[in-house]
C-alpha atoms as a PDB file:
ATOM      1  CA  MET A   1      42.538 -84.979 125.072  1.00  0.00           C
ATOM      2  CA  MET A   2      42.306 -85.341 121.509  1.00  0.00           C
ATOM      3  CA  THR A   3      39.461 -83.253 119.533  1.00  0.00           C
ATOM      4  CA  VAL A   4      36.838 -84.218 117.683  1.00  0.00           C
ATOM      5  CA  ASP A   5      38.269 -82.701 114.286  1.00  0.00           C
ATOM      6  CA  LEU A   6      42.033 -84.580 115.187  1.00  0.00           C
ATOM      7  CA  ASP A   7      39.878 -87.706 115.983  1.00  0.00           C
ATOM      8  CA  GLN A   8      38.295 -87.755 112.621  1.00  0.00           C
ATOM      9  CA  THR A   9      40.133 -89.193 109.612  1.00  0.00           C
ATOM     10  CA  PRO A  10      40.331 -86.393 106.712  1.00  0.00           C
ATOM     11  CA  ARG A  11      38.333 -87.339 103.755  1.00  0.00           C
ATOM     12  CA  SER A  12      40.567 -88.052 100.863  1.00  0.00           C
ATOM     13  CA  LEU A  13      39.942 -88.986  96.998  1.00  0.00           C
ATOM     14  CA  LEU A  14      41.430 -92.269  95.455  1.00  0.00           C
ATOM     15  CA  VAL A  15      40.524 -93.111  91.794  1.00  0.00           C
ATOM     16  CA  PHE A  16      42.156 -96.551  89.647  1.00  0.00           C
ATOM     17  CA  ASP A  17      42.281 -96.685  86.605  1.00  0.00           C
ATOM     18  CA  ARG A  18      43.700 -99.820  84.738  1.00  0.00           C
ATOM     19  CA  SER A  19      44.724 -99.659  80.689  1.00  0.00           C
ATOM     20  CA  SER A  20      47.259-100.000  78.143  1.00  0.00           C
ATOM     21  CA  PHE A  21      49.565 -97.750  76.174  1.00  0.00           C
ATOM     22  CA  LEU A  22      48.577 -99.700  73.414  1.00  0.00           C
ATOM     23  CA  ASP A  23      44.611 -98.768  73.741  1.00  0.00           C
ATOM     24  CA  GLU A  24      43.819 -95.361  72.238  1.00  0.00           C
ATOM     25  CA  LYS A  25      41.600 -94.172  74.698  1.00  0.00           C
ATOM     26  CA  ASN A  26      43.941 -94.420  77.465  1.00  0.00           C
ATOM     27  CA  ARG A  27      43.675 -91.139  79.552  1.00  0.00           C
ATOM     28  CA  ILE A  28      47.650 -90.657  80.437  1.00  0.00           C
ATOM     29  CA  SER A  29      48.693 -88.373  78.396  1.00  0.00           C
ATOM     30  CA  SER A  30      45.517 -86.338  79.526  1.00  0.00           C
ATOM     31  CA  GLN A  31      46.071 -86.673  83.201  1.00  0.00           C
ATOM     32  CA  VAL A  32      49.462 -86.525  82.488  1.00  0.00           C
ATOM     33  CA  GLU A  33      48.991 -82.473  80.643  1.00  0.00           C
ATOM     34  CA  GLN A  34      46.582 -81.617  83.255  1.00  0.00           C
ATOM     35  CA  HIS A  35      48.578 -81.735  86.118  1.00  0.00           C
ATOM     36  CA  HIS A  36      50.407 -78.764  85.832  1.00  0.00           C
ATOM     37  CA  PHE A  37      52.413 -78.059  89.065  1.00  0.00           C
ATOM     38  CA  ASN A  38      54.713 -80.675  89.664  1.00  0.00           C
ATOM     39  CA  TYR A  39      57.101 -80.867  92.451  1.00  0.00           C
ATOM     40  CA  LYS A  40      57.947 -84.428  92.678  1.00  0.00           C
ATOM     41  CA  VAL A  41      58.318 -87.806  90.178  1.00  0.00           C
ATOM     42  CA  SER A  42      59.766 -90.689  92.380  1.00  0.00           C
ATOM     43  CA  VAL A  43      60.463 -93.631  90.091  1.00  0.00           C
ATOM     44  CA  LEU A  44      60.997 -97.009  91.379  1.00  0.00           C
ATOM     45  CA  LEU A  45      63.109-100.037  89.688  1.00  0.00           C
ATOM     46  CA  PRO A  46      63.132-103.444  90.426  1.00  0.00           C
ATOM     47  CA  GLU A  47      66.425-105.819  90.312  1.00  0.00           C
ATOM     48  CA  CYS A  48      68.375-102.780  89.201  1.00  0.00           C
ATOM     49  CA  SER A  49      71.432-100.844  90.662  1.00  0.00           C
ATOM     50  CA  SER A  50      72.295 -97.665  88.416  1.00  0.00           C
ATOM     51  CA  ALA A  51      70.007 -95.776  86.015  1.00  0.00           C
ATOM     52  CA  PRO A  52      70.152 -97.183  82.207  1.00  0.00           C
ATOM     53  CA  SER A  53      72.026 -94.781  79.711  1.00  0.00           C
ATOM     54  CA  HIS A  54      68.974 -93.624  78.041  1.00  0.00           C
ATOM     55  CA  LEU A  55      66.911 -92.909  81.401  1.00  0.00           C
ATOM     56  CA  ASP A  56      69.638 -91.588  83.326  1.00  0.00           C
ATOM     57  CA  SER A  57      70.010 -88.921  80.400  1.00  0.00           C
ATOM     58  CA  VAL A  58      66.187 -88.312  80.380  1.00  0.00           C
ATOM     59  CA  LEU A  59      66.469 -87.671  84.112  1.00  0.00           C
ATOM     60  CA  ASN A  60      69.388 -84.826  83.375  1.00  0.00           C
ATOM     61  CA  SER A  61      67.801 -83.074  80.751  1.00  0.00           C
ATOM     62  CA  PHE A  62      64.613 -81.677  82.747  1.00  0.00           C
ATOM     63  CA  LYS A  63      64.125 -78.267  81.878  1.00  0.00           C
ATOM     64  CA  SER A  64      65.318 -75.705  84.314  1.00  0.00           C
ATOM     65  CA  PHE A  65      63.238 -73.458  85.600  1.00  0.00           C
ATOM     66  CA  TYR A  66      63.930 -69.919  87.499  1.00  0.00           C
ATOM     67  CA  LEU A  67      62.970 -68.233  91.256  1.00  0.00           C
ATOM     68  CA  ILE A  68      62.145 -64.891  90.667  1.00  0.00           C
ATOM     69  CA  ARG A  69      62.481 -62.848  93.952  1.00  0.00           C
ATOM     70  CA  ASN A  70      59.407 -60.161  95.307  1.00  0.00           C
ATOM     71  CA  MET A  71      58.374 -59.748  91.736  1.00  0.00           C
ATOM     72  CA  PRO A  72      54.819 -57.758  91.454  1.00  0.00           C
ATOM     73  CA  ILE A  73      51.827 -59.838  89.800  1.00  0.00           C
ATOM     74  CA  TYR A  74      51.004 -57.115  87.832  1.00  0.00           C
ATOM     75  CA  GLU A  75      53.950 -58.106  85.828  1.00  0.00           C
ATOM     76  CA  LEU A  76      52.338 -61.118  84.004  1.00  0.00           C
ATOM     77  CA  LEU A  77      50.238 -58.546  82.856  1.00  0.00           C
ATOM     78  CA  ASP A  78      53.213 -57.095  81.145  1.00  0.00           C
ATOM     79  CA  LYS A  79      51.828 -56.902  77.292  1.00  0.00           C
ATOM     80  CA  HIS A  80      55.719 -57.924  76.109  1.00  0.00           C
ATOM     81  CA  PHE A  81      55.773 -60.555  78.624  1.00  0.00           C
ATOM     82  CA  LEU A  82      52.275 -61.804  77.237  1.00  0.00           C
ATOM     83  CA  GLU A  83      53.397 -61.965  73.271  1.00  0.00           C
ATOM     84  CA  THR A  84      57.215 -63.842  73.725  1.00  0.00           C
ATOM     85  CA  ALA A  85      56.240 -65.881  76.402  1.00  0.00           C
ATOM     86  CA  ALA A  86      52.127 -66.598  77.305  1.00  0.00           C
ATOM     87  CA  TYR A  87      51.591 -66.290  73.853  1.00  0.00           C
ATOM     88  CA  LYS A  88      53.719 -68.576  72.381  1.00  0.00           C
ATOM     89  CA  GLY A  89      54.374 -71.958  74.132  1.00  0.00           C
ATOM     90  CA  SER A  90      53.828 -72.871  77.170  1.00  0.00           C
ATOM     91  CA  VAL A  91      53.978 -70.558  80.751  1.00  0.00           C
ATOM     92  CA  TYR A  92      54.312 -72.519  84.270  1.00  0.00           C
ATOM     93  CA  GLY A  93      54.334 -70.327  86.976  1.00  0.00           C
ATOM     94  CA  LEU A  94      53.611 -70.638  90.781  1.00  0.00           C
ATOM     95  CA  SER A  95      53.988 -68.392  93.602  1.00  0.00           C
ATOM     96  CA  TYR A  96      56.553 -69.519  96.164  1.00  0.00           C
ATOM     97  CA  ARG A  97      56.226 -70.456 100.309  1.00  0.00           C
ATOM     98  CA  THR A  98      52.694 -68.960  99.979  1.00  0.00           C
ATOM     99  CA  ARG A  99      49.707 -71.941 102.292  1.00  0.00           C
ATOM    100  CA  VAL A 100      46.824 -71.453 100.153  1.00  0.00           C
ATOM    101  CA  ASP A 101      44.617 -71.675 103.002  1.00  0.00           C
ATOM    102  CA  GLU A 102      45.736 -68.453 104.959  1.00  0.00           C
ATOM    103  CA  ASP A 103      48.056 -66.522 102.097  1.00  0.00           C
ATOM    104  CA  ASN A 104      47.239 -65.103  98.933  1.00  0.00           C
ATOM    105  CA  CYS A 105      48.483 -67.426  96.065  1.00  0.00           C
ATOM    106  CA  VAL A 106      48.980 -67.377  92.368  1.00  0.00           C
ATOM    107  CA  ALA A 107      48.889 -69.566  89.216  1.00  0.00           C
ATOM    108  CA  LEU A 108      49.790 -69.301  86.197  1.00  0.00           C
ATOM    109  CA  MET A 109      49.045 -72.115  83.648  1.00  0.00           C
ATOM    110  CA  PRO A 110      50.034 -73.111  80.419  1.00  0.00           C
ATOM    111  CA  ASN A 111      46.912 -72.267  78.619  1.00  0.00           C
ATOM    112  CA  GLY A 112      47.058 -68.920  79.350  1.00  0.00           C
ATOM    113  CA  ARG A 113      44.548 -68.751  82.841  1.00  0.00           C
ATOM    114  CA  LEU A 114      45.406 -66.899  85.886  1.00  0.00           C
ATOM    115  CA  CYS A 115      44.528 -68.010  89.316  1.00  0.00           C
ATOM    116  CA  LEU A 116      44.300 -66.203  91.991  1.00  0.00           C
ATOM    117  CA  SER A 117      43.272 -67.167  95.489  1.00  0.00           C
ATOM    118  CA  LEU A 118      43.023 -64.296  97.572  1.00  0.00           C
ATOM    119  CA  ASP A 119      41.552 -63.915 101.306  1.00  0.00           C
ATOM    120  CA  LYS A 120      38.632 -61.593 101.766  1.00  0.00           C
ATOM    121  CA  ASP A 121      40.221 -58.297 102.136  1.00  0.00           C
ATOM    122  CA  SER A 122      42.879 -58.808  99.327  1.00  0.00           C
ATOM    123  CA  PHE A 123      40.003 -60.180  97.210  1.00  0.00           C
ATOM    124  CA  GLN A 124      37.677 -56.895  97.783  1.00  0.00           C
ATOM    125  CA  VAL A 125      40.408 -54.169  97.739  1.00  0.00           C
ATOM    126  CA  LEU A 126      41.172 -55.834  94.014  1.00  0.00           C
ATOM    127  CA  GLY A 127      37.966 -54.794  92.912  1.00  0.00           C
ATOM    128  CA  VAL A 128      37.460 -57.602  90.007  1.00  0.00           C
ATOM    129  CA  GLU A 129      35.363 -60.674  89.403  1.00  0.00           C
ATOM    130  CA  GLY A 130      35.652 -63.997  91.233  1.00  0.00           C
ATOM    131  CA  LYS A 131      34.090 -66.543  93.064  1.00  0.00           C
ATOM    132  CA  PRO A 132      33.519 -67.370  96.328  1.00  0.00           C
ATOM    133  CA  SER A 133      36.321 -70.798  96.955  1.00  0.00           C
ATOM    134  CA  ARG A 134      34.495 -73.692  97.267  1.00  0.00           C
ATOM    135  CA  PHE A 135      35.936 -74.825 100.259  1.00  0.00           C
ATOM    136  CA  ASN A 136      35.100 -71.813 102.849  1.00  0.00           C
ATOM    137  CA  HIS A 137      34.143 -73.366 106.190  1.00  0.00           C
ATOM    138  CA  ARG A 138      31.572 -71.207 107.538  1.00  0.00           C
ATOM    139  CA  THR A 139      31.671 -68.228 106.324  1.00  0.00           C
ATOM    140  CA  ASN A 140      33.221 -66.592 102.732  1.00  0.00           C
ATOM    141  CA  SER A 141      36.560 -66.170 103.948  1.00  0.00           C
ATOM    142  CA  ARG A 142      38.571 -66.488 100.284  1.00  0.00           C
ATOM    143  CA  TYR A 143      37.814 -65.833  96.735  1.00  0.00           C
ATOM    144  CA  VAL A 144      39.369 -66.837  93.384  1.00  0.00           C
ATOM    145  CA  VAL A 145      39.910 -64.986  90.594  1.00  0.00           C
ATOM    146  CA  SER A 146      40.117 -66.828  87.580  1.00  0.00           C
ATOM    147  CA  VAL A 147      40.878 -65.193  84.175  1.00  0.00           C
ATOM    148  CA  ASP A 148      41.899 -66.401  80.562  1.00  0.00           C
ATOM    149  CA  LEU A 149      44.984 -64.075  79.747  1.00  0.00           C
ATOM    150  CA  THR A 150      44.250 -64.763  75.874  1.00  0.00           C
ATOM    151  CA  HIS A 151      40.819 -63.909  75.391  1.00  0.00           C
ATOM    152  CA  SER A 152      39.743 -61.171  73.845  1.00  0.00           C
ATOM    153  CA  SER A 153      38.530 -59.234  76.080  1.00  0.00           C
ATOM    154  CA  MET A 154      42.133 -59.452  78.074  1.00  0.00           C
ATOM    155  CA  ALA A 155      44.160 -58.609  74.900  1.00  0.00           C
ATOM    156  CA  PRO A 156      46.603 -54.937  76.253  1.00  0.00           C
ATOM    157  CA  GLY A 157      44.332 -52.190  76.413  1.00  0.00           C
ATOM    158  CA  GLY A 158      41.075 -53.748  77.070  1.00  0.00           C
ATOM    159  CA  ARG A 159      38.163 -52.995  79.591  1.00  0.00           C
ATOM    160  CA  GLY A 160      38.968 -56.633  81.392  1.00  0.00           C
ATOM    161  CA  TYR A 161      42.441 -56.376  80.992  1.00  0.00           C
ATOM    162  CA  VAL A 162      43.157 -52.468  82.137  1.00  0.00           C
ATOM    163  CA  ARG A 163      40.668 -53.397  85.320  1.00  0.00           C
ATOM    164  CA  LEU A 164      42.846 -56.239  86.545  1.00  0.00           C
ATOM    165  CA  LEU A 165      45.773 -54.265  86.201  1.00  0.00           C
ATOM    166  CA  THR A 166      45.461 -51.659  87.656  1.00  0.00           C
ATOM    167  CA  GLY A 167      43.444 -53.223  90.548  1.00  0.00           C
ATOM    168  CA  LEU A 168      47.312 -55.110  90.904  1.00  0.00           C
ATOM    169  CA  ARG A 169      49.425 -51.805  90.368  1.00  0.00           C
ATOM    170  CA  SER A 170      47.673 -49.411  91.917  1.00  0.00           C
ATOM    171  CA  ARG A 171      45.604 -51.118  94.709  1.00  0.00           C
ATOM    172  CA  LEU A 172      46.107 -54.483  95.823  1.00  0.00           C
ATOM    173  CA  HIS A 173      50.250 -54.445  95.393  1.00  0.00           C
ATOM    174  CA  LEU A 174      50.238 -58.222  96.117  1.00  0.00           C
ATOM    175  CA  LYS A 175      54.176 -59.139  95.617  1.00  0.00           C
ATOM    176  CA  THR A 176      55.626 -62.654  95.454  1.00  0.00           C
ATOM    177  CA  ASP A 177      58.473 -64.981  95.321  1.00  0.00           C
ATOM    178  CA  PHE A 178      57.472 -66.806  92.031  1.00  0.00           C
ATOM    179  CA  LEU A 179      58.326 -69.616  90.327  1.00  0.00           C
ATOM    180  CA  LEU A 180      58.553 -69.539  86.493  1.00  0.00           C
ATOM    181  CA  SER A 181      59.205 -71.505  83.839  1.00  0.00           C
ATOM    182  CA  HIS A 182      58.407 -71.654  79.751  1.00  0.00           C
ATOM    183  CA  HIS A 183      58.412 -74.353  77.235  1.00  0.00           C
ATOM    184  CA  PRO A 184      59.943 -74.463  75.160  1.00  0.00           C
ATOM    185  CA  GLY A 185      61.609 -71.284  74.808  1.00  0.00           C
ATOM    186  CA  GLY A 186      63.117 -71.821  78.232  1.00  0.00           C
ATOM    187  CA  GLY A 187      64.801 -68.244  79.496  1.00  0.00           C
ATOM    188  CA  ALA A 188      65.624 -66.516  76.436  1.00  0.00           C
ATOM    189  CA  SER A 189      61.565 -65.790  76.133  1.00  0.00           C
ATOM    190  CA  LEU A 190      61.662 -64.857  80.401  1.00  0.00           C
ATOM    191  CA  GLN A 191      64.610 -62.234  80.045  1.00  0.00           C
ATOM    192  CA  ALA A 192      62.994 -59.291  79.604  1.00  0.00           C
ATOM    193  CA  LEU A 193      60.790 -59.947  82.898  1.00  0.00           C
ATOM    194  CA  LEU A 194      63.907 -61.371  84.559  1.00  0.00           C
ATOM    195  CA  SER A 195      66.186 -58.643  84.077  1.00  0.00           C
ATOM    196  CA  ARG A 196      63.875 -56.453  86.095  1.00  0.00           C
ATOM    197  CA  TYR A 197      64.381 -58.507  89.364  1.00  0.00           C
ATOM    198  CA  ASP A 198      66.156 -60.894  91.755  1.00  0.00           C
ATOM    199  CA  TRP A 199      66.547 -63.781  90.170  1.00  0.00           C
ATOM    200  CA  SER A 200      68.425 -67.249  90.359  1.00  0.00           C
ATOM    201  CA  GLU A 201      68.105 -70.278  87.509  1.00  0.00           C
ATOM    202  CA  HIS A 202      67.494 -74.211  89.223  1.00  0.00           C
ATOM    203  CA  ARG A 203      68.378 -77.167  87.938  1.00  0.00           C
ATOM    204  CA  PRO A 204      66.098 -79.888  89.061  1.00  0.00           C
ATOM    205  CA  GLU A 205      67.497 -82.101  91.834  1.00  0.00           C
ATOM    206  CA  ILE A 206      68.559 -85.848  91.556  1.00  0.00           C
ATOM    207  CA  ARG A 207      68.641 -88.475  94.183  1.00  0.00           C
ATOM    208  CA  SER A 208      69.041 -91.651  93.877  1.00  0.00           C
ATOM    209  CA  ARG A 209      69.142 -94.425  96.487  1.00  0.00           C
ATOM    210  CA  VAL A 210      69.600 -98.380  95.640  1.00  0.00           C
ATOM    211  CA  LEU A 211      67.852-100.895  98.470  1.00  0.00           C
ATOM    212  CA  THR A 212      69.135-104.229  99.158  1.00  0.00           C
ATOM    213  CA  GLN A 213      66.749-107.235 100.826  1.00  0.00           C
ATOM    214  CA  LEU A 214      63.396-105.589  99.881  1.00  0.00           C
ATOM    215  CA  SER A 215      60.144-106.738 100.412  1.00  0.00           C
ATOM    216  CA  CYS A 216      57.640-106.288  98.025  1.00  0.00           C
ATOM    217  CA  PRO A 217      53.680-107.487  97.059  1.00  0.00           C
ATOM    218  CA  ALA A 218      54.408-110.461  95.365  1.00  0.00           C
ATOM    219  CA  LEU A 219      51.275-110.245  93.327  1.00  0.00           C
ATOM    220  CA  LEU A 220      52.521-106.686  90.833  1.00  0.00           C
ATOM    221  CA  THR A 221      50.833-108.234  87.886  1.00  0.00           C
ATOM    222  CA  SER A 222      49.643-106.463  84.820  1.00  0.00           C
ATOM    223  CA  ASP A 223      46.360-108.782  85.438  1.00  0.00           C
ATOM    224  CA  LEU A 224      46.013-108.241  89.008  1.00  0.00           C
ATOM    225  CA  GLN A 225      42.879-108.281  89.877  1.00  0.00           C
ATOM    226  CA  SER A 226      42.769-108.367  93.846  1.00  0.00           C
ATOM    227  CA  SER A 227      45.017-105.792  95.236  1.00  0.00           C
ATOM    228  CA  ASP A 228      44.010-103.050  98.069  1.00  0.00           C
ATOM    229  CA  PRO A 229      45.617 -99.850  95.944  1.00  0.00           C
ATOM    230  CA  HIS A 230      45.642 -98.071  99.263  1.00  0.00           C
ATOM    231  CA  SER A 231      48.382-100.723 100.975  1.00  0.00           C
ATOM    232  CA  PHE A 232      50.189-100.984  97.674  1.00  0.00           C
ATOM    233  CA  LEU A 233      50.343 -96.855  98.118  1.00  0.00           C
ATOM    234  CA  GLU A 234      51.204 -97.201 101.393  1.00  0.00           C
ATOM    235  CA  TRP A 235      54.043 -99.355 100.850  1.00  0.00           C
ATOM    236  CA  LEU A 236      55.875 -97.595  97.939  1.00  0.00           C
ATOM    237  CA  GLY A 237      54.943 -94.337  99.731  1.00  0.00           C
ATOM    238  CA  ALA A 238      56.827 -95.733 103.054  1.00  0.00           C
ATOM    239  CA  VAL A 239      59.880 -96.847 100.538  1.00  0.00           C
ATOM    240  CA  ASP A 240      60.051 -93.531  98.853  1.00  0.00           C
ATOM    241  CA  ALA A 241      60.244 -91.798 102.358  1.00  0.00           C
ATOM    242  CA  ASP A 242      62.967 -94.457 103.183  1.00  0.00           C
ATOM    243  CA  ALA A 243      60.375 -95.850 105.833  1.00  0.00           C
ATOM    244  CA  SER A 244      60.646 -98.825 108.175  1.00  0.00           C
ATOM    245  CA  ARG A 245      58.528-101.572 106.656  1.00  0.00           C
ATOM    246  CA  GLU A 246      59.289-104.181 108.772  1.00  0.00           C
ATOM    247  CA  ASN A 247      56.431-103.754 112.134  1.00  0.00           C
ATOM    248  CA  SER A 248      59.362-103.785 114.664  1.00  0.00           C
ATOM    249  CA  SER A 249      58.284-103.293 118.133  1.00  0.00           C
ATOM    250  CA  SER A 250      61.258-101.317 119.024  1.00  0.00           C
ATOM    251  CA  SER A 251      59.523 -99.053 116.263  1.00  0.00           C
ATOM    252  CA  PHE A 252      58.138 -96.334 117.590  1.00  0.00           C
ATOM    253  CA  LEU A 253      58.114 -94.751 113.982  1.00  0.00           C
ATOM    254  CA  SER A 254      56.188 -96.738 111.599  1.00  0.00           C
ATOM    255  CA  SER A 255      53.975 -99.709 111.674  1.00  0.00           C
ATOM    256  CA  LEU A 256      53.543-100.115 107.840  1.00  0.00           C
ATOM    257  CA  VAL A 257      53.882-104.017 106.774  1.00  0.00           C
ATOM    258  CA  CYS A 258      54.458-104.837 103.223  1.00  0.00           C
ATOM    259  CA  PRO A 259      51.104-106.197 101.912  1.00  0.00           C
ATOM    260  CA  GLU A 260      50.995-109.771 102.086  1.00  0.00           C
ATOM    261  CA  PRO A 261      51.756-111.976  99.709  1.00  0.00           C
ATOM    262  CA  SER A 262      55.062-110.692  99.906  1.00  0.00           C
ATOM    263  CA  THR A 263      58.375-111.511  98.109  1.00  0.00           C
ATOM    264  CA  THR A 264      62.096-109.926  98.074  1.00  0.00           C
ATOM    265  CA  LEU A 265      63.769-108.222  95.778  1.00  0.00           C
ATOM    266  CA  ASN A 266      67.445-108.166  96.061  1.00  0.00           C
ATOM    267  CA  GLN A 267      67.970-104.815  94.979  1.00  0.00           C
ATOM    268  CA  ALA A 268      65.669-102.251  93.718  1.00  0.00           C
ATOM    269  CA  LEU A 269      66.971 -98.642  92.262  1.00  0.00           C
ATOM    270  CA  SER A 270      64.980 -95.649  93.842  1.00  0.00           C
ATOM    271  CA  VAL A 271      65.289 -92.371  91.758  1.00  0.00           C
ATOM    272  CA  SER A 272      63.648 -89.357  92.388  1.00  0.00           C
ATOM    273  CA  VAL A 273      63.965 -85.666  90.996  1.00  0.00           C
ATOM    274  CA  CYS A 274      62.494 -82.188  92.536  1.00  0.00           C
ATOM    275  CA  GLY A 275      62.273 -78.632  90.985  1.00  0.00           C
ATOM    276  CA  LEU A 276      59.550 -77.512  89.118  1.00  0.00           C
ATOM    277  CA  LEU A 277      58.834 -80.258  86.419  1.00  0.00           C
ATOM    278  CA  LEU A 278      56.549 -79.765  83.667  1.00  0.00           C
ATOM    279  CA  PRO A 279      54.785 -82.273  82.074  1.00  0.00           C
ATOM    280  CA  GLN A 280      56.494 -82.596  79.642  1.00  0.00           C
ATOM    281  CA  ASP A 281      59.435 -83.968  80.531  1.00  0.00           C
ATOM    282  CA  ILE A 282      57.892 -86.041  82.450  1.00  0.00           C
ATOM    283  CA  HIS A 283      55.626 -87.459  79.786  1.00  0.00           C
ATOM    284  CA  ARG A 284      59.115 -87.840  78.179  1.00  0.00           C
ATOM    285  CA  LEU A 285      60.311 -89.927  81.015  1.00  0.00           C
ATOM    286  CA  ILE A 286      57.436 -92.523  81.343  1.00  0.00           C
ATOM    287  CA  GLN A 287      58.081 -93.356  77.400  1.00  0.00           C
ATOM    288  CA  GLU A 288      61.897 -94.002  78.623  1.00  0.00           C
ATOM    289  CA  ILE A 289      60.244 -96.298  81.078  1.00  0.00           C
ATOM    290  CA  ARG A 290      58.561 -97.965  78.983  1.00  0.00           C
ATOM    291  CA  ARG A 291      61.151 -98.333  76.455  1.00  0.00           C
ATOM    292  CA  HIS A 292      63.054 -99.941  79.702  1.00  0.00           C
ATOM    293  CA  LEU A 293      60.632-102.433  80.236  1.00  0.00           C
ATOM    294  CA  GLU A 294      60.578-103.885  76.579  1.00  0.00           C
ATOM    295  CA  HIS A 295      63.656-105.375  77.372  1.00  0.00           C
ATOM    296  CA  HIS A 296      62.690-106.566  80.917  1.00  0.00           C
ATOM    297  CA  LEU A 297      60.454-108.971  80.740  1.00  0.00           C
ATOM    298  CA  GLU A 298      58.082-109.851  83.572  1.00  0.00           C
ATOM    299  CA  SER A 299      59.065-106.838  84.867  1.00  0.00           C
ATOM    300  CA  TRP A 300      57.003-103.608  86.176  1.00  0.00           C
ATOM    301  CA  ALA A 301      58.593-100.110  87.489  1.00  0.00           C
ATOM    302  CA  SER A 302      56.490 -97.718  88.786  1.00  0.00           C
ATOM    303  CA  LEU A 303      56.145 -93.756  88.813  1.00  0.00           C
ATOM    304  CA  THR A 304      54.822 -91.349  91.179  1.00  0.00           C
ATOM    305  CA  VAL A 305      54.355 -87.389  90.826  1.00  0.00           C
ATOM    306  CA  HIS A 306      53.433 -85.224  93.765  1.00  0.00           C
ATOM    307  CA  GLY A 307      51.391 -82.058  93.033  1.00  0.00           C
ATOM    308  CA  PHE A 308      52.751 -78.889  95.318  1.00  0.00           C
ATOM    309  CA  VAL A 309      50.977 -79.050  98.192  1.00  0.00           C
ATOM    310  CA  ASP A 310      50.044 -74.855  98.382  1.00  0.00           C
ATOM    311  CA  SER A 311      49.188 -74.267  94.511  1.00  0.00           C
ATOM    312  CA  PRO A 312      45.703 -73.008  93.587  1.00  0.00           C
ATOM    313  CA  VAL A 313      44.858 -76.012  91.694  1.00  0.00           C
ATOM    314  CA  SER A 314      45.175 -79.425  91.048  1.00  0.00           C
ATOM    315  CA  TRP A 315      44.397 -81.213  87.771  1.00  0.00           C
ATOM    316  CA  GLY A 316      43.766 -78.699  84.853  1.00  0.00           C
ATOM    317  CA  ASP A 317      41.516 -75.563  86.159  1.00  0.00           C
ATOM    318  CA  SER A 318      40.215 -77.481  89.461  1.00  0.00           C
ATOM    319  CA  GLU A 319      40.444 -75.625  92.864  1.00  0.00           C
ATOM    320  CA  HIS A 320      42.620 -76.860  95.309  1.00  0.00           C
ATOM    321  CA  GLY A 321      43.110 -76.637  98.948  1.00  0.00           C
ATOM    322  CA  VAL A 322      44.856 -77.867 101.816  1.00  0.00           C
ATOM    323  CA  MET A 323      43.583 -77.815 105.525  1.00  0.00           C
ATOM    324  CA  ARG A 324      45.129 -80.846 106.613  1.00  0.00           C
ATOM    325  CA  GLY A 325      46.534 -82.496 103.917  1.00  0.00           C
ATOM    326  CA  GLY A 326      47.071 -80.941 100.471  1.00  0.00           C
ATOM    327  CA  GLU A 327      48.511 -84.206  98.781  1.00  0.00           C
ATOM    328  CA  ASN A 328      47.376 -84.161  94.855  1.00  0.00           C
ATOM    329  CA  PHE A 329      49.087 -86.860  93.407  1.00  0.00           C
ATOM    330  CA  TYR A 330      49.200 -90.020  91.139  1.00  0.00           C
ATOM    331  CA  SER A 331      51.312 -93.280  90.915  1.00  0.00           C
ATOM    332  CA  LEU A 332      51.731 -94.978  87.523  1.00  0.00           C
ATOM    333  CA  LEU A 333      52.721 -99.200  87.535  1.00  0.00           C
ATOM    334  CA  MET A 334      54.174 -99.978  84.545  1.00  0.00           C
ATOM    335  CA  PHE A 335      54.299-103.112  83.108  1.00  0.00           C
ATOM    336  CA  HIS A 336      56.332-104.911  80.252  1.00  0.00           C
ATOM    337  CA  ASP A 337      53.267-106.030  77.876  1.00  0.00           C
ATOM    338  CA  HIS A 338      52.709-101.762  78.079  1.00  0.00           C
ATOM    339  CA  THR A 339      49.430-102.369  80.560  1.00  0.00           C
ATOM    340  CA  TYR A 340      49.544 -99.770  83.721  1.00  0.00           C
ATOM    341  CA  HIS A 341      47.466 -99.435  86.716  1.00  0.00           C
ATOM    342  CA  LEU A 342      46.910 -95.656  87.326  1.00  0.00           C
ATOM    343  CA  HIS A 343      46.153 -93.920  90.797  1.00  0.00           C
ATOM    344  CA  GLN A 344      45.127 -90.416  91.232  1.00  0.00           C
ATOM    345  CA  ALA A 345      44.834 -89.515  94.625  1.00  0.00           C
ATOM    346  CA  THR A 346      43.449 -86.213  96.608  1.00  0.00           C
ATOM    347  CA  GLY A 347      43.052 -84.557 100.069  1.00  0.00           C
ATOM    348  CA  ALA A 348      40.111 -83.103 101.616  1.00  0.00           C
ATOM    349  CA  HIS A 349      40.043 -79.947  99.810  1.00  0.00           C
ATOM    350  CA  ASP A 350      40.156 -81.088  96.428  1.00  0.00           C
ATOM    351  CA  THR A 351      38.002 -81.896  93.733  1.00  0.00           C
ATOM    352  CA  CYS A 352      37.857 -85.751  92.188  1.00  0.00           C
ATOM    353  CA  PRO A 353      40.382 -86.464  90.085  1.00  0.00           C
ATOM    354  CA  PRO A 354      39.616 -86.250  86.222  1.00  0.00           C
END
């Protein structure tokens, strides 16, 4: 028998925006920059069987990242690390294989803010100021500690710095596998930290598929007024997941169909990149897709970026939770005339995208 909770569809948020890259007030750069922790970007190019050379070059130039195993979190307060990495450029750090609704999770953001999502016991042991999670159910079982490491009170030797360092080093002893990347310095600025632990360097993984006879919504045009964004995103997700979109009576996996009216593409290229993906690389990819579309009139392309499900933040400094979903992503439908449709989506335990 299905319980009441499972019988209810989880709340989700979907924000839609239509504009032009040529509009000085367009929000694309801001949206890309604020979505710090991205694990997958998917691109769909219609009537294309292989990535153009310039686009392929951008895909293969995504910055590598590092996995540090069993790293004490107090290392993020190391004076040398702060001076060579956190204060210079942008550091992206995220605890790996931790579940934000159950475990202690950590994120170091490019603006120098350190976010700790802690269970109640760990928060009390740490002994620093924090606030209850926005997504507690009935009692305060989780707390969030958010600290600006660039603030004067957090300078090495300062009162706030010493208190947090003491809590992490002497009381909580929080350790975790940790993903780390730095822009623009890369591994050179992280070498001192890496040398103290077991670590490995990883390149983002690229996969591509050529799709043939692909059913596609016929009204994918920049002046489209009436398309249902939910149906479009469902179709796009089914294409990316290589799920059936035929609603065959013999299929028990998928009842999805292509939104009507539909047309058929002779071929299309689906490309995905997975890893700890920096916003700077995603922005370069968007610009390259725009250049590609300039030479393909009456065409379009889609780019979808998924955030880590268990990141303690989604957009900017906004707290992120999971419960039954954890999705936080945006999808960009781009056209040859420089117009675009932007979809931003989050699950039940998240704030509204900016």
